[in-house]
């Protein structure tokens, strides 16, 4: 059974993530020194272990080999840092979720709802239309809505169609 070195796999993962993001040129020397320092500690420890480095458990051995490759290749292993991707704008549609919740609660209660099914359908269609137009004015579609609002929008869009509200009721 091999000797387990705590943190070696974690260090290799951190190294991979840093390389994937790109290490700025001003930080590369320190980064390589960090990698070489880890390798030095592993090699020193493994000198006293039967089988040496090759006797490490497979995950640790793979981590060691990866870090060794980074140390050997030096700066050729580095990619330039990539700029962050474009962020999606946050869209707010006040009252859409609340309207859906009130409508479903009112229609789901026993007794007569506050409005007729046809009136709810008309109101739902109006909310959907206004939301869609507002998004289009900004060059967006419903996929830009936050999850909860997007789900409310989809529900209202479905309920506003002919006979769908009756199915729900």
Protein backbone atom coordinates (compact mmCIF):
# COMPACT_ATOMS: atom_id res chain seq x y z
CA UNK A 1 0.00 0.00 0.00
CA UNK A 2 1.30 3.43 -0.95
CA UNK A 3 1.82 6.41 1.26
CA UNK A 4 -0.75 9.15 0.95
CA UNK A 5 0.43 12.75 0.79
CA UNK A 6 -2.33 15.07 1.90
CA UNK A 7 -2.87 18.10 -0.30
CA UNK A 8 -0.94 16.98 -3.37
CA UNK A 9 -4.02 16.34 -5.50
CA UNK A 10 -5.55 19.57 -4.24
CA UNK A 11 -2.39 21.49 -5.18
CA UNK A 12 -2.45 19.96 -8.68
CA UNK A 13 -6.10 20.97 -9.05
CA UNK A 14 -5.29 24.53 -7.96
CA UNK A 15 -2.41 24.58 -10.44
CA UNK A 16 -4.70 23.39 -13.27
CA UNK A 17 -7.28 26.03 -12.43
CA UNK A 18 -4.65 28.76 -12.37
CA UNK A 19 -3.29 27.64 -15.72
CA UNK A 20 -6.80 27.50 -17.18
CA UNK A 21 -7.47 31.08 -16.04
CA UNK A 22 -4.05 32.17 -17.17
CA UNK A 23 -1.22 33.24 -14.91
CA UNK A 24 -0.17 36.86 -15.48
CA UNK A 25 3.41 37.19 -16.66
CA UNK A 26 4.39 39.11 -13.52
CA UNK A 27 3.30 36.20 -11.31
CA UNK A 28 4.79 33.32 -13.30
CA UNK A 29 8.11 33.13 -11.46
CA UNK A 30 6.35 32.92 -8.09
CA UNK A 31 3.91 30.38 -9.48
CA UNK A 32 6.71 28.15 -10.76
CA UNK A 33 8.54 28.50 -7.44
CA UNK A 34 5.37 27.34 -5.67
CA UNK A 35 5.07 24.31 -7.98
CA UNK A 36 8.76 23.44 -7.59
CA UNK A 37 8.49 23.84 -3.81
CA UNK A 38 5.66 21.30 -3.69
CA UNK A 39 7.64 18.90 -5.87
CA UNK A 40 10.69 19.29 -3.63
CA UNK A 41 8.67 18.43 -0.54
CA UNK A 42 7.16 15.36 -2.22
CA UNK A 43 10.53 14.13 -3.47
CA UNK A 44 12.16 14.65 -0.07
CA UNK A 45 9.38 12.74 1.65
CA UNK A 46 9.41 9.93 -0.91
CA UNK A 47 13.17 9.32 -0.54
CA UNK A 48 12.42 7.57 2.73
CA UNK A 49 9.43 5.61 1.43
CA UNK A 50 9.78 2.21 -0.26
CA UNK A 51 9.12 2.62 -3.99
CA UNK A 52 9.84 6.34 -3.90
CA UNK A 53 7.59 8.64 -5.90
CA UNK A 54 6.42 5.73 -8.06
CA UNK A 55 5.03 4.11 -4.91
CA UNK A 56 2.49 6.90 -4.42
CA UNK A 57 -1.20 6.06 -4.82
CA UNK A 58 -2.44 6.68 -8.34
CA UNK A 59 -4.18 10.07 -7.72
CA UNK A 60 -1.10 11.40 -5.94
CA UNK A 61 1.22 10.01 -8.61
CA UNK A 62 -0.83 11.64 -11.38
CA UNK A 63 -0.82 14.93 -9.48
CA UNK A 64 2.95 14.67 -9.04
CA UNK A 65 3.46 13.95 -12.74
CA UNK A 66 1.27 16.88 -13.73
CA UNK A 67 3.14 19.27 -11.45
CA UNK A 68 6.46 17.90 -12.74
CA UNK A 69 5.37 18.61 -16.30
CA UNK A 70 4.43 22.18 -15.38
CA UNK A 71 7.80 22.66 -13.67
CA UNK A 72 9.67 21.21 -16.70
CA UNK A 73 7.80 23.19 -19.33
CA UNK A 74 8.10 26.41 -17.39
CA UNK A 75 6.57 29.39 -19.08
CA UNK A 76 5.47 27.43 -22.15
CA UNK A 77 2.74 25.89 -19.97
CA UNK A 78 1.19 29.29 -19.38
CA UNK A 79 -1.64 30.84 -21.29
CA UNK A 80 -2.34 34.52 -21.17
CA UNK A 81 -5.16 35.43 -18.80
CA UNK A 82 -8.50 35.46 -20.57
CA UNK A 83 -10.87 38.34 -20.06
CA UNK A 84 -14.08 37.48 -18.29
CA UNK A 85 -16.99 36.70 -20.58
CA UNK A 86 -19.84 39.12 -21.02
CA UNK A 87 -22.24 39.13 -18.13
CA UNK A 88 -25.93 38.92 -18.72
CA UNK A 89 -27.84 42.00 -17.64
CA UNK A 90 -30.25 41.62 -14.78
CA UNK A 91 -33.83 42.17 -15.85
CA UNK A 92 -36.53 43.02 -13.36
CA UNK A 93 -40.22 42.60 -14.08
CA UNK A 94 -41.93 43.90 -10.95
CA UNK A 95 -45.07 42.08 -9.91
CA UNK A 96 -44.99 39.24 -12.43
CA UNK A 97 -44.36 36.47 -9.90
CA UNK A 98 -46.78 38.01 -7.41
CA UNK A 99 -49.50 38.26 -10.07
CA UNK A 100 -49.10 34.59 -10.98
CA UNK A 101 -49.14 33.50 -7.34
CA UNK A 102 -52.25 35.56 -6.57
CA UNK A 103 -54.03 34.30 -9.67
CA UNK A 104 -53.25 30.64 -8.97
CA UNK A 105 -54.21 30.99 -5.33
CA UNK A 106 -57.48 32.71 -6.21
CA UNK A 107 -58.36 30.14 -8.87
CA UNK A 108 -57.34 27.25 -6.63
CA UNK A 109 -59.53 28.19 -3.69
CA UNK A 110 -62.98 26.79 -3.29
CA UNK A 111 -65.74 29.17 -4.11
CA UNK A 112 -65.87 31.87 -6.69
CA UNK A 113 -62.61 33.53 -7.75
CA UNK A 114 -62.29 37.31 -7.68
CA UNK A 115 -62.33 37.43 -11.49
CA UNK A 116 -63.72 35.20 -14.19
CA UNK A 117 -61.44 32.71 -15.88
CA UNK A 118 -61.69 34.78 -19.05
CA UNK A 119 -60.66 37.93 -17.16
CA UNK A 120 -57.65 36.15 -15.67
CA UNK A 121 -56.72 34.89 -19.14
CA UNK A 122 -56.94 38.44 -20.49
CA UNK A 123 -54.83 39.82 -17.63
CA UNK A 124 -52.24 37.05 -18.00
CA UNK A 125 -52.03 37.68 -21.75
CA UNK A 126 -51.57 41.41 -21.11
CA UNK A 127 -48.72 40.77 -18.62
CA UNK A 128 -47.02 38.39 -21.05
CA UNK A 129 -47.38 40.84 -23.93
CA UNK A 130 -46.03 43.78 -21.91
CA UNK A 131 -43.10 41.73 -20.63
CA UNK A 132 -42.26 40.43 -24.09
CA UNK A 133 -42.42 43.95 -25.60
CA UNK A 134 -40.23 45.34 -22.82
CA UNK A 135 -37.64 42.64 -23.43
CA UNK A 136 -37.73 43.19 -27.19
CA UNK A 137 -37.15 46.93 -26.72
CA UNK A 138 -33.93 46.01 -24.92
CA UNK A 139 -32.98 43.47 -27.58
CA UNK A 140 -33.64 40.54 -25.27
CA UNK A 141 -35.91 37.56 -24.99
CA UNK A 142 -37.42 35.69 -22.01
CA UNK A 143 -34.21 33.69 -21.52
CA UNK A 144 -32.72 36.84 -19.96
CA UNK A 145 -35.23 36.75 -17.12
CA UNK A 146 -34.09 35.50 -13.71
CA UNK A 147 -35.11 31.90 -13.08
CA UNK A 148 -38.13 32.55 -10.88
CA UNK A 149 -39.42 35.36 -13.09
CA UNK A 150 -38.81 33.29 -16.21
CA UNK A 151 -40.82 30.44 -14.76
CA UNK A 152 -43.67 32.79 -13.88
CA UNK A 153 -43.52 34.23 -17.40
CA UNK A 154 -43.71 30.75 -18.94
CA UNK A 155 -46.64 29.78 -16.72
CA UNK A 156 -48.54 32.95 -17.57
CA UNK A 157 -47.80 32.49 -21.26
CA UNK A 158 -49.20 28.96 -21.11
CA UNK A 159 -52.22 29.92 -18.98
CA UNK A 160 -53.08 32.82 -21.29
CA UNK A 161 -53.70 30.45 -24.20
CA UNK A 162 -57.16 29.24 -25.11
CA UNK A 163 -58.48 26.45 -22.83
CA UNK A 164 -55.28 26.15 -20.78
CA UNK A 165 -56.63 28.03 -17.80
CA UNK A 166 -59.68 25.77 -17.70
CA UNK A 167 -57.38 22.74 -17.62
CA UNK A 168 -55.60 24.19 -14.62
CA UNK A 169 -58.82 25.16 -12.82
